Amino acid sequence: MGLQQGLRLLGCSRWLHGVGESIASSVEREAFEETGTHVVPVKLIGIYAGPRFD
């Protein structure tokens, strides 16, 4: 799976990270839950939150 395909697949849902869970751990867990693919986050690009992004 290419990066662009993966981003489209993962961009469709809202992610909530658990209490005490890091953003990187959330990415790993959500990527696996949604695609069955194990990923290793390398760099944080941005976090978009709030009513403007709902």
PDB file of N, CA and C in Angstrom:
ATOM      1  N   MET A   1       0.849  -1.163   0.000  1.00  0.00           N
ATOM      2  CA  MET A   1       0.000   0.000   0.000  1.00  0.00           C
ATOM      3  C   MET A   1       0.899   1.232   0.000  1.00  0.00           C
ATOM      4  N   GLY A   2       0.612   2.172  -0.875  1.00  0.00           N
ATOM      5  CA  GLY A   2       1.382   3.403  -0.925  1.00  0.00           C
ATOM      6  C   GLY A   2       0.963   4.376   0.163  1.00  0.00           C
ATOM      7  N   LEU A   3       1.796   5.357   0.409  1.00  0.00           N
ATOM      8  CA  LEU A   3       1.521   6.341   1.457  1.00  0.00           C
ATOM      9  C   LEU A   3       0.218   7.079   1.199  1.00  0.00           C
ATOM     10  N   GLN A   4      -0.004   7.530  -0.018  1.00  0.00           N
ATOM     11  CA  GLN A   4      -1.228   8.279  -0.311  1.00  0.00           C
ATOM     12  C   GLN A   4      -2.469   7.424  -0.099  1.00  0.00           C
ATOM     13  N   GLN A   5      -2.423   6.160  -0.498  1.00  0.00           N
ATOM     14  CA  GLN A   5      -3.559   5.263  -0.275  1.00  0.00           C
ATOM     15  C   GLN A   5      -3.805   5.099   1.215  1.00  0.00           C
ATOM     16  N   GLY A   6      -2.749   4.931   1.974  1.00  0.00           N
ATOM     17  CA  GLY A   6      -2.875   4.758   3.418  1.00  0.00           C
ATOM     18  C   GLY A   6      -3.452   5.986   4.088  1.00  0.00           C
ATOM     19  N   LEU A   7      -3.014   7.156   3.656  1.00  0.00           N
ATOM     20  CA  LEU A   7      -3.540   8.385   4.246  1.00  0.00           C
ATOM     21  C   LEU A   7      -5.019   8.548   3.955  1.00  0.00           C
ATOM     22  N   ARG A   8      -5.435   8.191   2.763  1.00  0.00           N
ATOM     23  CA  ARG A   8      -6.869   8.277   2.435  1.00  0.00           C
ATOM     24  C   ARG A   8      -7.666   7.310   3.292  1.00  0.00           C
ATOM     25  N   LEU A   9      -7.160   6.107   3.486  1.00  0.00           N
ATOM     26  CA  LEU A   9      -7.872   5.126   4.308  1.00  0.00           C
ATOM     27  C   LEU A   9      -7.990   5.582   5.753  1.00  0.00           C
ATOM     28  N   LEU A  10      -6.932   6.160   6.284  1.00  0.00           N
ATOM     29  CA  LEU A  10      -6.918   6.525   7.694  1.00  0.00           C
ATOM     30  C   LEU A  10      -7.561   7.876   7.962  1.00  0.00           C
ATOM     31  N   GLY A  11      -7.697   8.705   6.949  1.00  0.00           N
ATOM     32  CA  GLY A  11      -8.214  10.045   7.164  1.00  0.00           C
ATOM     33  C   GLY A  11      -9.713  10.133   7.299  1.00  0.00           C
ATOM     34  N   CYS A  12     -10.408   9.039   7.180  1.00  0.00           N
ATOM     35  CA  CYS A  12     -11.867   9.069   7.157  1.00  0.00           C
ATOM     36  C   CYS A  12     -12.514   9.019   8.533  1.00  0.00           C
ATOM     37  N   SER A  13     -11.779   8.705   9.546  1.00  0.00           N
ATOM     38  CA  SER A  13     -12.402   8.554  10.861  1.00  0.00           C
ATOM     39  C   SER A  13     -11.776   9.510  11.866  1.00  0.00           C
ATOM     40  N   ARG A  14     -12.475   9.670  12.975  1.00  0.00           N
ATOM     41  CA  ARG A  14     -11.926  10.475  14.069  1.00  0.00           C
ATOM     42  C   ARG A  14     -11.217   9.538  15.023  1.00  0.00           C
ATOM     43  N   TRP A  15     -10.074   9.948  15.463  1.00  0.00           N
ATOM     44  CA  TRP A  15      -9.303   9.124  16.381  1.00  0.00           C
ATOM     45  C   TRP A  15      -9.356   9.732  17.766  1.00  0.00           C
ATOM     46  N   LEU A  16      -9.521   8.892  18.742  1.00  0.00           N
ATOM     47  CA  LEU A  16      -9.429   9.316  20.134  1.00  0.00           C
ATOM     48  C   LEU A  16      -8.335   8.499  20.787  1.00  0.00           C
ATOM     49  N   HIS A  17      -7.408   9.167  21.437  1.00  0.00           N
ATOM     50  CA  HIS A  17      -6.384   8.386  22.129  1.00  0.00           C
ATOM     51  C   HIS A  17      -6.813   8.175  23.565  1.00  0.00           C
ATOM     52  N   GLY A  18      -6.398   7.052  24.095  1.00  0.00           N
ATOM     53  CA  GLY A  18      -6.782   6.674  25.445  1.00  0.00           C
ATOM     54  C   GLY A  18      -6.048   7.480  26.501  1.00  0.00           C
ATOM     55  N   VAL A  19      -6.577   7.459  27.710  1.00  0.00           N
ATOM     56  CA  VAL A  19      -5.931   8.139  28.829  1.00  0.00           C
ATOM     57  C   VAL A  19      -4.537   7.548  29.013  1.00  0.00           C
ATOM     58  N   GLY A  20      -3.539   8.394  29.009  1.00  0.00           N
ATOM     59  CA  GLY A  20      -2.162   7.952  29.184  1.00  0.00           C
ATOM     60  C   GLY A  20      -1.510   7.427  27.914  1.00  0.00           C
ATOM     61  N   GLU A  21      -2.245   7.377  26.812  1.00  0.00           N
ATOM     62  CA  GLU A  21      -1.703   6.872  25.541  1.00  0.00           C
ATOM     63  C   GLU A  21      -1.069   8.032  24.775  1.00  0.00           C
ATOM     64  N   SER A  22       0.120   7.819  24.265  1.00  0.00           N
ATOM     65  CA  SER A  22       0.786   8.864  23.490  1.00  0.00           C
ATOM     66  C   SER A  22       0.164   8.961  22.099  1.00  0.00           C
ATOM     67  N   ILE A  23       0.407  10.080  21.441  1.00  0.00           N
ATOM     68  CA  ILE A  23      -0.084  10.261  20.074  1.00  0.00           C
ATOM     69  C   ILE A  23       0.520   9.192  19.166  1.00  0.00           C
ATOM     70  N   ALA A  24       1.803   8.906  19.326  1.00  0.00           N
ATOM     71  CA  ALA A  24       2.456   7.879  18.505  1.00  0.00           C
ATOM     72  C   ALA A  24       1.805   6.518  18.710  1.00  0.00           C
ATOM     73  N   SER A  25       1.493   6.171  19.953  1.00  0.00           N
ATOM     74  CA  SER A  25       0.828   4.891  20.226  1.00  0.00           C
ATOM     75  C   SER A  25      -0.558   4.848  19.603  1.00  0.00           C
ATOM     76  N   SER A  26      -1.253   5.987  19.635  1.00  0.00           N
ATOM     77  CA  SER A  26      -2.580   6.065  19.015  1.00  0.00           C
ATOM     78  C   SER A  26      -2.497   5.805  17.515  1.00  0.00           C
ATOM     79  N   VAL A  27      -1.482   6.399  16.880  1.00  0.00           N
ATOM     80  CA  VAL A  27      -1.296   6.202  15.438  1.00  0.00           C
ATOM     81  C   VAL A  27      -1.038   4.735  15.139  1.00  0.00           C
ATOM     82  N   GLU A  28      -0.157   4.111  15.898  1.00  0.00           N
ATOM     83  CA  GLU A  28       0.154   2.694  15.691  1.00  0.00           C
ATOM     84  C   GLU A  28      -1.098   1.833  15.845  1.00  0.00           C
ATOM     85  N   ARG A  29      -1.837   2.062  16.912  1.00  0.00           N
ATOM     86  CA  ARG A  29      -3.037   1.261  17.199  1.00  0.00           C
ATOM     87  C   ARG A  29      -4.111   1.472  16.133  1.00  0.00           C
ATOM     88  N   GLU A  30      -4.399   2.732  15.814  1.00  0.00           N
ATOM     89  CA  GLU A  30      -5.453   3.017  14.840  1.00  0.00           C
ATOM     90  C   GLU A  30      -5.100   2.493  13.451  1.00  0.00           C
ATOM     91  N   ALA A  31      -3.834   2.643  13.042  1.00  0.00           N
ATOM     92  CA  ALA A  31      -3.424   2.132  11.731  1.00  0.00           C
ATOM     93  C   ALA A  31      -3.633   0.627  11.670  1.00  0.00           C
ATOM     94  N   PHE A  32      -3.277  -0.068  12.743  1.00  0.00           N
ATOM     95  CA  PHE A  32      -3.455  -1.518  12.761  1.00  0.00           C
ATOM     96  C   PHE A  32      -4.934  -1.891  12.782  1.00  0.00           C
ATOM     97  N   GLU A  33      -5.731  -1.204  13.600  1.00  0.00           N
ATOM     98  CA  GLU A  33      -7.164  -1.513  13.676  1.00  0.00           C
ATOM     99  C   GLU A  33      -7.863  -1.283  12.337  1.00  0.00           C
ATOM    100  N   GLU A  34      -7.493  -0.214  11.640  1.00  0.00           N
ATOM    101  CA  GLU A  34      -8.177   0.145  10.397  1.00  0.00           C
ATOM    102  C   GLU A  34      -7.672  -0.618   9.180  1.00  0.00           C
ATOM    103  N   THR A  35      -6.377  -0.979   9.163  1.00  0.00           N
ATOM    104  CA  THR A  35      -5.804  -1.569   7.948  1.00  0.00           C
ATOM    105  C   THR A  35      -5.139  -2.919   8.158  1.00  0.00           C
ATOM    106  N   GLY A  36      -4.877  -3.295   9.417  1.00  0.00           N
ATOM    107  CA  GLY A  36      -4.145  -4.530   9.677  1.00  0.00           C
ATOM    108  C   GLY A  36      -2.657  -4.388   9.427  1.00  0.00           C
ATOM    109  N   THR A  37      -2.191  -3.150   9.252  1.00  0.00           N
ATOM    110  CA  THR A  37      -0.790  -2.880   8.962  1.00  0.00           C
ATOM    111  C   THR A  37      -0.102  -2.319  10.198  1.00  0.00           C
ATOM    112  N   HIS A  38       1.068  -2.857  10.518  1.00  0.00           N
ATOM    113  CA  HIS A  38       1.861  -2.315  11.619  1.00  0.00           C
ATOM    114  C   HIS A  38       2.676  -1.148  11.082  1.00  0.00           C
ATOM    115  N   VAL A  39       2.607  -0.014  11.757  1.00  0.00           N
ATOM    116  CA  VAL A  39       3.358   1.169  11.338  1.00  0.00           C
ATOM    117  C   VAL A  39       4.226   1.652  12.490  1.00  0.00           C
ATOM    118  N   VAL A  40       5.251   2.411  12.141  1.00  0.00           N
ATOM    119  CA  VAL A  40       6.105   3.049  13.131  1.00  0.00           C
ATOM    120  C   VAL A  40       6.114   4.542  12.809  1.00  0.00           C
ATOM    121  N   PRO A  41       5.504   5.362  13.664  1.00  0.00           N
ATOM    122  CA  PRO A  41       5.510   6.810  13.414  1.00  0.00           C
ATOM    123  C   PRO A  41       6.943   7.338  13.435  1.00  0.00           C
ATOM    124  N   VAL A  42       7.250   8.197  12.475  1.00  0.00           N
ATOM    125  CA  VAL A  42       8.595   8.739  12.364  1.00  0.00           C
ATOM    126  C   VAL A  42       8.632  10.216  12.749  1.00  0.00           C
ATOM    127  N   LYS A  43       7.626  10.978  12.282  1.00  0.00           N
ATOM    128  CA  LYS A  43       7.641  12.418  12.509  1.00  0.00           C
ATOM    129  C   LYS A  43       6.211  12.925  12.640  1.00  0.00           C
ATOM    130  N   LEU A  44       5.971  13.774  13.619  1.00  0.00           N
ATOM    131  CA  LEU A  44       4.668  14.388  13.792  1.00  0.00           C
ATOM    132  C   LEU A  44       4.556  15.560  12.828  1.00  0.00           C
ATOM    133  N   ILE A  45       3.541  15.541  11.991  1.00  0.00           N
ATOM    134  CA  ILE A  45       3.344  16.606  11.013  1.00  0.00           C
ATOM    135  C   ILE A  45       2.418  17.677  11.566  1.00  0.00           C
ATOM    136  N   GLY A  46       1.359  17.273  12.239  1.00  0.00           N
ATOM    137  CA  GLY A  46       0.441  18.250  12.810  1.00  0.00           C
ATOM    138  C   GLY A  46      -0.691  17.571  13.543  1.00  0.00           C
ATOM    139  N   ILE A  47      -1.285  18.311  14.459  1.00  0.00           N
ATOM    140  CA  ILE A  47      -2.462  17.842  15.174  1.00  0.00           C
ATOM    141  C   ILE A  47      -3.548  18.871  14.933  1.00  0.00           C
ATOM    142  N   TYR A  48      -4.667  18.435  14.421  1.00  0.00           N
ATOM    143  CA  TYR A  48      -5.768  19.330  14.100  1.00  0.00           C
ATOM    144  C   TYR A  48      -6.944  18.976  14.980  1.00  0.00           C
ATOM    145  N   ALA A  49      -7.359  19.918  15.816  1.00  0.00           N
ATOM    146  CA  ALA A  49      -8.451  19.654  16.741  1.00  0.00           C
ATOM    147  C   ALA A  49      -9.258  20.924  16.964  1.00  0.00           C
ATOM    148  N   GLY A  50     -10.446  20.732  17.470  1.00  0.00           N
ATOM    149  CA  GLY A  50     -11.296  21.864  17.800  1.00  0.00           C
ATOM    150  C   GLY A  50     -12.455  21.994  16.840  1.00  0.00           C
ATOM    151  N   PRO A  51     -13.369  22.902  17.132  1.00  0.00           N
ATOM    152  CA  PRO A  51     -14.582  23.044  16.326  1.00  0.00           C
ATOM    153  C   PRO A  51     -14.302  23.400  14.868  1.00  0.00           C
ATOM    154  N   ARG A  52     -13.211  24.070  14.620  1.00  0.00           N
ATOM    155  CA  ARG A  52     -12.867  24.442  13.244  1.00  0.00           C
ATOM    156  C   ARG A  52     -12.618  23.216  12.364  1.00  0.00           C
ATOM    157  N   PHE A  53     -12.233  22.108  12.967  1.00  0.00           N
ATOM    158  CA  PHE A  53     -11.884  20.908  12.213  1.00  0.00           C
ATOM    159  C   PHE A  53     -12.914  19.799  12.339  1.00  0.00           C
ATOM    160  N   ASP A  54     -14.059  20.073  12.923  1.00  0.00           N
ATOM    161  CA  ASP A  54     -15.115  19.053  13.056  1.00  0.00           C
ATOM    162  C   ASP A  54     -15.775  18.773  11.728  1.00  0.00           C
TER     163      ASP A  54
END
